[in-house]
Amino acid sequence: MNIKYHSIKGEIKSLGLTNKKVADMLGITVQGLDYRINQDLPTIHWAIYGISNYFGDNNGITLNAKISD
């Protein structure tokens, strides 16, 4: 499964959350959150996906599943 966000920071904003609030929920610093977003680490994609499903809907998230033979 491949998860792509149009914008992680945009997703956070659309949920009405701040970077500080998200960082606090994840137990990391705001700088750590920015680092993970900038490094495009898979764990931050999963974390934001979970937060998005918890606080809102996933209209801003595109899920692409690849099935190979």
PDB file of N, CA and C in Angstrom:
ATOM      1  N   MET A   1       0.850  -1.178   0.000  1.00  0.00           N
ATOM      2  CA  MET A   1       0.000   0.000   0.000  1.00  0.00           C
ATOM      3  C   MET A   1       0.886   1.228   0.000  1.00  0.00           C
ATOM      4  N   ASN A   2       0.585   2.149  -0.847  1.00  0.00           N
ATOM      5  CA  ASN A   2       1.342   3.381  -0.978  1.00  0.00           C
ATOM      6  C   ASN A   2       0.455   4.539  -0.533  1.00  0.00           C
ATOM      7  N   ILE A   3       0.891   5.279   0.462  1.00  0.00           N
ATOM      8  CA  ILE A   3       0.106   6.404   0.970  1.00  0.00           C
ATOM      9  C   ILE A   3       0.780   7.690   0.535  1.00  0.00           C
ATOM     10  N   LYS A   4       0.029   8.563  -0.129  1.00  0.00           N
ATOM     11  CA  LYS A   4       0.571   9.838  -0.585  1.00  0.00           C
ATOM     12  C   LYS A   4      -0.311  10.962  -0.049  1.00  0.00           C
ATOM     13  N   TYR A   5       0.325  11.949   0.486  1.00  0.00           N
ATOM     14  CA  TYR A   5      -0.384  13.127   0.953  1.00  0.00           C
ATOM     15  C   TYR A   5      -0.068  14.272   0.006  1.00  0.00           C
ATOM     16  N   HIS A   6      -1.072  15.036  -0.310  1.00  0.00           N
ATOM     17  CA  HIS A   6      -0.841  16.220  -1.119  1.00  0.00           C
ATOM     18  C   HIS A   6       0.039  17.182  -0.335  1.00  0.00           C
ATOM     19  N   SER A   7      -0.189  17.280   0.952  1.00  0.00           N
ATOM     20  CA  SER A   7       0.612  18.123   1.831  1.00  0.00           C
ATOM     21  C   SER A   7       0.335  17.706   3.268  1.00  0.00           C
ATOM     22  N   ILE A   8       1.353  17.222   3.954  1.00  0.00           N
ATOM     23  CA  ILE A   8       1.156  16.825   5.349  1.00  0.00           C
ATOM     24  C   ILE A   8       0.807  18.046   6.189  1.00  0.00           C
ATOM     25  N   LYS A   9       1.531  19.139   5.974  1.00  0.00           N
ATOM     26  CA  LYS A   9       1.231  20.353   6.745  1.00  0.00           C
ATOM     27  C   LYS A   9      -0.162  20.882   6.409  1.00  0.00           C
ATOM     28  N   GLY A  10      -0.567  20.756   5.159  1.00  0.00           N
ATOM     29  CA  GLY A  10      -1.919  21.155   4.772  1.00  0.00           C
ATOM     30  C   GLY A  10      -2.967  20.277   5.425  1.00  0.00           C
ATOM     31  N   GLU A  11      -2.669  18.981   5.541  1.00  0.00           N
ATOM     32  CA  GLU A  11      -3.589  18.051   6.202  1.00  0.00           C
ATOM     33  C   GLU A  11      -3.749  18.423   7.667  1.00  0.00           C
ATOM     34  N   ILE A  12      -2.638  18.734   8.325  1.00  0.00           N
ATOM     35  CA  ILE A  12      -2.679  19.145   9.739  1.00  0.00           C
ATOM     36  C   ILE A  12      -3.538  20.395   9.888  1.00  0.00           C
ATOM     37  N   LYS A  13      -3.315  21.363   9.013  1.00  0.00           N
ATOM     38  CA  LYS A  13      -4.071  22.625   9.070  1.00  0.00           C
ATOM     39  C   LYS A  13      -5.557  22.397   8.809  1.00  0.00           C
ATOM     40  N   SER A  14      -5.870  21.523   7.836  1.00  0.00           N
ATOM     41  CA  SER A  14      -7.281  21.286   7.502  1.00  0.00           C
ATOM     42  C   SER A  14      -8.031  20.612   8.648  1.00  0.00           C
ATOM     43  N   LEU A  15      -7.308  19.923   9.510  1.00  0.00           N
ATOM     44  CA  LEU A  15      -7.934  19.292  10.675  1.00  0.00           C
ATOM     45  C   LEU A  15      -8.131  20.283  11.818  1.00  0.00           C
ATOM     46  N   GLY A  16      -7.632  21.502  11.650  1.00  0.00           N
ATOM     47  CA  GLY A  16      -7.755  22.506  12.702  1.00  0.00           C
ATOM     48  C   GLY A  16      -6.724  22.321  13.808  1.00  0.00           C
ATOM     49  N   LEU A  17      -5.654  21.609  13.495  1.00  0.00           N
ATOM     50  CA  LEU A  17      -4.609  21.357  14.472  1.00  0.00           C
ATOM     51  C   LEU A  17      -3.384  22.208  14.154  1.00  0.00           C
ATOM     52  N   THR A  18      -2.551  22.394  15.149  1.00  0.00           N
ATOM     53  CA  THR A  18      -1.286  23.088  14.950  1.00  0.00           C
ATOM     54  C   THR A  18      -0.157  22.070  14.964  1.00  0.00           C
ATOM     55  N   ASN A  19       0.990  22.469  14.430  1.00  0.00           N
ATOM     56  CA  ASN A  19       2.160  21.592  14.482  1.00  0.00           C
ATOM     57  C   ASN A  19       2.511  21.249  15.917  1.00  0.00           C
ATOM     58  N   LYS A  20       2.346  22.199  16.823  1.00  0.00           N
ATOM     59  CA  LYS A  20       2.648  21.976  18.244  1.00  0.00           C
ATOM     60  C   LYS A  20       1.730  20.901  18.817  1.00  0.00           C
ATOM     61  N   LYS A  21       0.446  20.975  18.519  1.00  0.00           N
ATOM     62  CA  LYS A  21      -0.520  19.996  19.023  1.00  0.00           C
ATOM     63  C   LYS A  21      -0.200  18.597  18.492  1.00  0.00           C
ATOM     64  N   VAL A  22       0.112  18.502  17.198  1.00  0.00           N
ATOM     65  CA  VAL A  22       0.440  17.206  16.598  1.00  0.00           C
ATOM     66  C   VAL A  22       1.731  16.667  17.209  1.00  0.00           C
ATOM     67  N   ALA A  23       2.729  17.509  17.356  1.00  0.00           N
ATOM     68  CA  ALA A  23       3.991  17.083  17.960  1.00  0.00           C
ATOM     69  C   ALA A  23       3.765  16.579  19.381  1.00  0.00           C
ATOM     70  N   ASP A  24       2.945  17.282  20.143  1.00  0.00           N
ATOM     71  CA  ASP A  24       2.634  16.846  21.508  1.00  0.00           C
ATOM     72  C   ASP A  24       1.940  15.484  21.512  1.00  0.00           C
ATOM     73  N   MET A  25       1.001  15.270  20.591  1.00  0.00           N
ATOM     74  CA  MET A  25       0.303  13.991  20.517  1.00  0.00           C
ATOM     75  C   MET A  25       1.253  12.846  20.174  1.00  0.00           C
ATOM     76  N   LEU A  26       2.254  13.142  19.351  1.00  0.00           N
ATOM     77  CA  LEU A  26       3.210  12.119  18.940  1.00  0.00           C
ATOM     78  C   LEU A  26       4.377  11.971  19.907  1.00  0.00           C
ATOM     79  N   GLY A  27       4.445  12.876  20.884  1.00  0.00           N
ATOM     80  CA  GLY A  27       5.518  12.801  21.873  1.00  0.00           C
ATOM     81  C   GLY A  27       6.868  13.230  21.329  1.00  0.00           C
ATOM     82  N   ILE A  28       6.842  14.154  20.375  1.00  0.00           N
ATOM     83  CA  ILE A  28       8.080  14.662  19.792  1.00  0.00           C
ATOM     84  C   ILE A  28       8.043  16.186  19.816  1.00  0.00           C
ATOM     85  N   THR A  29       9.165  16.807  19.490  1.00  0.00           N
ATOM     86  CA  THR A  29       9.222  18.264  19.430  1.00  0.00           C
ATOM     87  C   THR A  29       8.686  18.741  18.076  1.00  0.00           C
ATOM     88  N   VAL A  30       8.384  20.018  17.984  1.00  0.00           N
ATOM     89  CA  VAL A  30       7.950  20.591  16.708  1.00  0.00           C
ATOM     90  C   VAL A  30       9.079  20.450  15.682  1.00  0.00           C
ATOM     91  N   GLN A  31      10.318  20.633  16.145  1.00  0.00           N
ATOM     92  CA  GLN A  31      11.460  20.472  15.247  1.00  0.00           C
ATOM     93  C   GLN A  31      11.559  19.023  14.764  1.00  0.00           C
ATOM     94  N   GLY A  32      11.272  18.068  15.654  1.00  0.00           N
ATOM     95  CA  GLY A  32      11.267  16.658  15.271  1.00  0.00           C
ATOM     96  C   GLY A  32      10.186  16.356  14.254  1.00  0.00           C
ATOM     97  N   LEU A  33       9.023  16.986  14.422  1.00  0.00           N
ATOM     98  CA  LEU A  33       7.928  16.816  13.461  1.00  0.00           C
ATOM     99  C   LEU A  33       8.342  17.368  12.102  1.00  0.00           C
ATOM    100  N   ASP A  34       8.892  18.579  12.095  1.00  0.00           N
ATOM    101  CA  ASP A  34       9.348  19.183  10.838  1.00  0.00           C
ATOM    102  C   ASP A  34      10.415  18.324  10.169  1.00  0.00           C
ATOM    103  N   TYR A  35      11.330  17.780  10.956  1.00  0.00           N
ATOM    104  CA  TYR A  35      12.382  16.912  10.418  1.00  0.00           C
ATOM    105  C   TYR A  35      11.771  15.689   9.740  1.00  0.00           C
ATOM    106  N   ARG A  36      10.834  15.051  10.416  1.00  0.00           N
ATOM    107  CA  ARG A  36      10.214  13.851   9.854  1.00  0.00           C
ATOM    108  C   ARG A  36       9.434  14.163   8.576  1.00  0.00           C
ATOM    109  N   ILE A  37       8.753  15.309   8.562  1.00  0.00           N
ATOM    110  CA  ILE A  37       8.023  15.716   7.357  1.00  0.00           C
ATOM    111  C   ILE A  37       9.008  15.989   6.223  1.00  0.00           C
ATOM    112  N   ASN A  38      10.065  16.733   6.506  1.00  0.00           N
ATOM    113  CA  ASN A  38      11.047  17.076   5.473  1.00  0.00           C
ATOM    114  C   ASN A  38      11.800  15.853   4.961  1.00  0.00           C
ATOM    115  N   GLN A  39      12.039  14.868   5.827  1.00  0.00           N
ATOM    116  CA  GLN A  39      12.732  13.652   5.424  1.00  0.00           C
ATOM    117  C   GLN A  39      11.797  12.671   4.735  1.00  0.00           C
ATOM    118  N   ASP A  40      10.508  12.954   4.767  1.00  0.00           N
ATOM    119  CA  ASP A  40       9.493  12.113   4.126  1.00  0.00           C
ATOM    120  C   ASP A  40       9.556  10.683   4.653  1.00  0.00           C
ATOM    121  N   LEU A  41       9.695  10.566   5.974  1.00  0.00           N
ATOM    122  CA  LEU A  41       9.800   9.263   6.614  1.00  0.00           C
ATOM    123  C   LEU A  41       8.445   8.563   6.631  1.00  0.00           C
ATOM    124  N   PRO A  42       8.390   7.267   6.344  1.00  0.00           N
ATOM    125  CA  PRO A  42       7.108   6.547   6.303  1.00  0.00           C
ATOM    126  C   PRO A  42       6.336   6.615   7.616  1.00  0.00           C
ATOM    127  N   THR A  43       7.035   6.635   8.737  1.00  0.00           N
ATOM    128  CA  THR A  43       6.334   6.649  10.021  1.00  0.00           C
ATOM    129  C   THR A  43       5.492   7.901  10.197  1.00  0.00           C
ATOM    130  N   ILE A  44       5.942   9.025   9.672  1.00  0.00           N
ATOM    131  CA  ILE A  44       5.157  10.262   9.822  1.00  0.00           C
ATOM    132  C   ILE A  44       3.907  10.187   8.947  1.00  0.00           C
ATOM    133  N   HIS A  45       3.998   9.527   7.792  1.00  0.00           N
ATOM    134  CA  HIS A  45       2.819   9.363   6.940  1.00  0.00           C
ATOM    135  C   HIS A  45       1.750   8.542   7.671  1.00  0.00           C
ATOM    136  N   TRP A  46       2.162   7.451   8.304  1.00  0.00           N
ATOM    137  CA  TRP A  46       1.215   6.619   9.056  1.00  0.00           C
ATOM    138  C   TRP A  46       0.643   7.378  10.241  1.00  0.00           C
ATOM    139  N   ALA A  47       1.482   8.152  10.926  1.00  0.00           N
ATOM    140  CA  ALA A  47       1.005   8.916  12.084  1.00  0.00           C
ATOM    141  C   ALA A  47      -0.037   9.948  11.659  1.00  0.00           C
ATOM    142  N   ILE A  48       0.230  10.674  10.586  1.00  0.00           N
ATOM    143  CA  ILE A  48      -0.713  11.690  10.110  1.00  0.00           C
ATOM    144  C   ILE A  48      -1.980  11.028   9.580  1.00  0.00           C
ATOM    145  N   TYR A  49      -1.841   9.877   8.943  1.00  0.00           N
ATOM    146  CA  TYR A  49      -3.015   9.133   8.490  1.00  0.00           C
ATOM    147  C   TYR A  49      -3.906   8.778   9.680  1.00  0.00           C
ATOM    148  N   GLY A  50      -3.311   8.294  10.751  1.00  0.00           N
ATOM    149  CA  GLY A  50      -4.072   7.956  11.952  1.00  0.00           C
ATOM    150  C   GLY A  50      -4.723   9.167  12.580  1.00  0.00           C
ATOM    151  N   ILE A  51      -3.971  10.257  12.687  1.00  0.00           N
ATOM    152  CA  ILE A  51      -4.517  11.485  13.266  1.00  0.00           C
ATOM    153  C   ILE A  51      -5.660  12.010  12.404  1.00  0.00           C
ATOM    154  N   SER A  52      -5.493  11.946  11.091  1.00  0.00           N
ATOM    155  CA  SER A  52      -6.533  12.415  10.179  1.00  0.00           C
ATOM    156  C   SER A  52      -7.812  11.606  10.342  1.00  0.00           C
ATOM    157  N   ASN A  53      -7.679  10.305  10.461  1.00  0.00           N
ATOM    158  CA  ASN A  53      -8.860   9.462  10.657  1.00  0.00           C
ATOM    159  C   ASN A  53      -9.490   9.684  12.019  1.00  0.00           C
ATOM    160  N   TYR A  54      -8.704  10.000  13.012  1.00  0.00           N
ATOM    161  CA  TYR A  54      -9.218  10.219  14.355  1.00  0.00           C
ATOM    162  C   TYR A  54      -9.941  11.562  14.468  1.00  0.00           C
ATOM    163  N   PHE A  55      -9.344  12.619  13.893  1.00  0.00           N
ATOM    164  CA  PHE A  55      -9.888  13.964  14.050  1.00  0.00           C
ATOM    165  C   PHE A  55     -10.789  14.421  12.913  1.00  0.00           C
ATOM    166  N   GLY A  56     -10.792  13.737  11.815  1.00  0.00           N
ATOM    167  CA  GLY A  56     -11.595  14.218  10.691  1.00  0.00           C
ATOM    168  C   GLY A  56     -11.868  13.103   9.724  1.00  0.00           C
ATOM    169  N   ASP A  57     -11.918  13.495   8.472  1.00  0.00           N
ATOM    170  CA  ASP A  57     -12.116  12.494   7.430  1.00  0.00           C
ATOM    171  C   ASP A  57     -10.829  12.390   6.622  1.00  0.00           C
ATOM    172  N   ASN A  58     -10.812  11.483   5.681  1.00  0.00           N
ATOM    173  CA  ASN A  58      -9.609  11.310   4.888  1.00  0.00           C
ATOM    174  C   ASN A  58      -9.780  11.805   3.459  1.00  0.00           C
ATOM    175  N   ASN A  59     -10.568  12.859   3.283  1.00  0.00           N
ATOM    176  CA  ASN A  59     -10.791  13.398   1.941  1.00  0.00           C
ATOM    177  C   ASN A  59      -9.513  13.950   1.319  1.00  0.00           C
ATOM    178  N   GLY A  60      -8.579  14.418   2.144  1.00  0.00           N
ATOM    179  CA  GLY A  60      -7.338  14.971   1.615  1.00  0.00           C
ATOM    180  C   GLY A  60      -6.271  13.929   1.386  1.00  0.00           C
ATOM    181  N   ILE A  61      -6.587  12.662   1.634  1.00  0.00           N
ATOM    182  CA  ILE A  61      -5.603  11.601   1.537  1.00  0.00           C
ATOM    183  C   ILE A  61      -5.953  10.695   0.370  1.00  0.00           C
ATOM    184  N   THR A  62      -4.970  10.400  -0.431  1.00  0.00           N
ATOM    185  CA  THR A  62      -5.158   9.486  -1.532  1.00  0.00           C
ATOM    186  C   THR A  62      -4.445   8.181  -1.192  1.00  0.00           C
ATOM    187  N   LEU A  63      -5.178   7.092  -1.213  1.00  0.00           N
ATOM    188  CA  LEU A  63      -4.593   5.777  -0.970  1.00  0.00           C
ATOM    189  C   LEU A  63      -4.477   5.054  -2.295  1.00  0.00           C
ATOM    190  N   ASN A  64      -3.300   4.538  -2.553  1.00  0.00           N
ATOM    191  CA  ASN A  64      -3.075   3.775  -3.782  1.00  0.00           C
ATOM    192  C   ASN A  64      -2.553   2.410  -3.382  1.00  0.00           C
ATOM    193  N   ALA A  65      -3.262   1.385  -3.749  1.00  0.00           N
ATOM    194  CA  ALA A  65      -2.821   0.025  -3.471  1.00  0.00           C
ATOM    195  C   ALA A  65      -2.361  -0.613  -4.775  1.00  0.00           C
ATOM    196  N   LYS A  66      -1.158  -1.151  -4.734  1.00  0.00           N
ATOM    197  CA  LYS A  66      -0.625  -1.825  -5.919  1.00  0.00           C
ATOM    198  C   LYS A  66      -0.754  -3.324  -5.687  1.00  0.00           C
ATOM    199  N   ILE A  67      -1.341  -3.983  -6.651  1.00  0.00           N
ATOM    200  CA  ILE A  67      -1.479  -5.433  -6.577  1.00  0.00           C
ATOM    201  C   ILE A  67      -0.711  -6.001  -7.772  1.00  0.00           C
ATOM    202  N   SER A  68       0.262  -6.827  -7.467  1.00  0.00           N
ATOM    203  CA  SER A  68       1.037  -7.432  -8.557  1.00  0.00           C
ATOM    204  C   SER A  68       0.718  -8.911  -8.652  1.00  0.00           C
ATOM    205  N   ASP A  69       0.900  -9.460  -9.828  1.00  0.00           N
ATOM    206  CA  ASP A  69       0.636 -10.881 -10.056  1.00  0.00           C
ATOM    207  C   ASP A  69       1.720 -11.726  -9.457  1.00  0.00           C
TER     208      ASP A  69
END
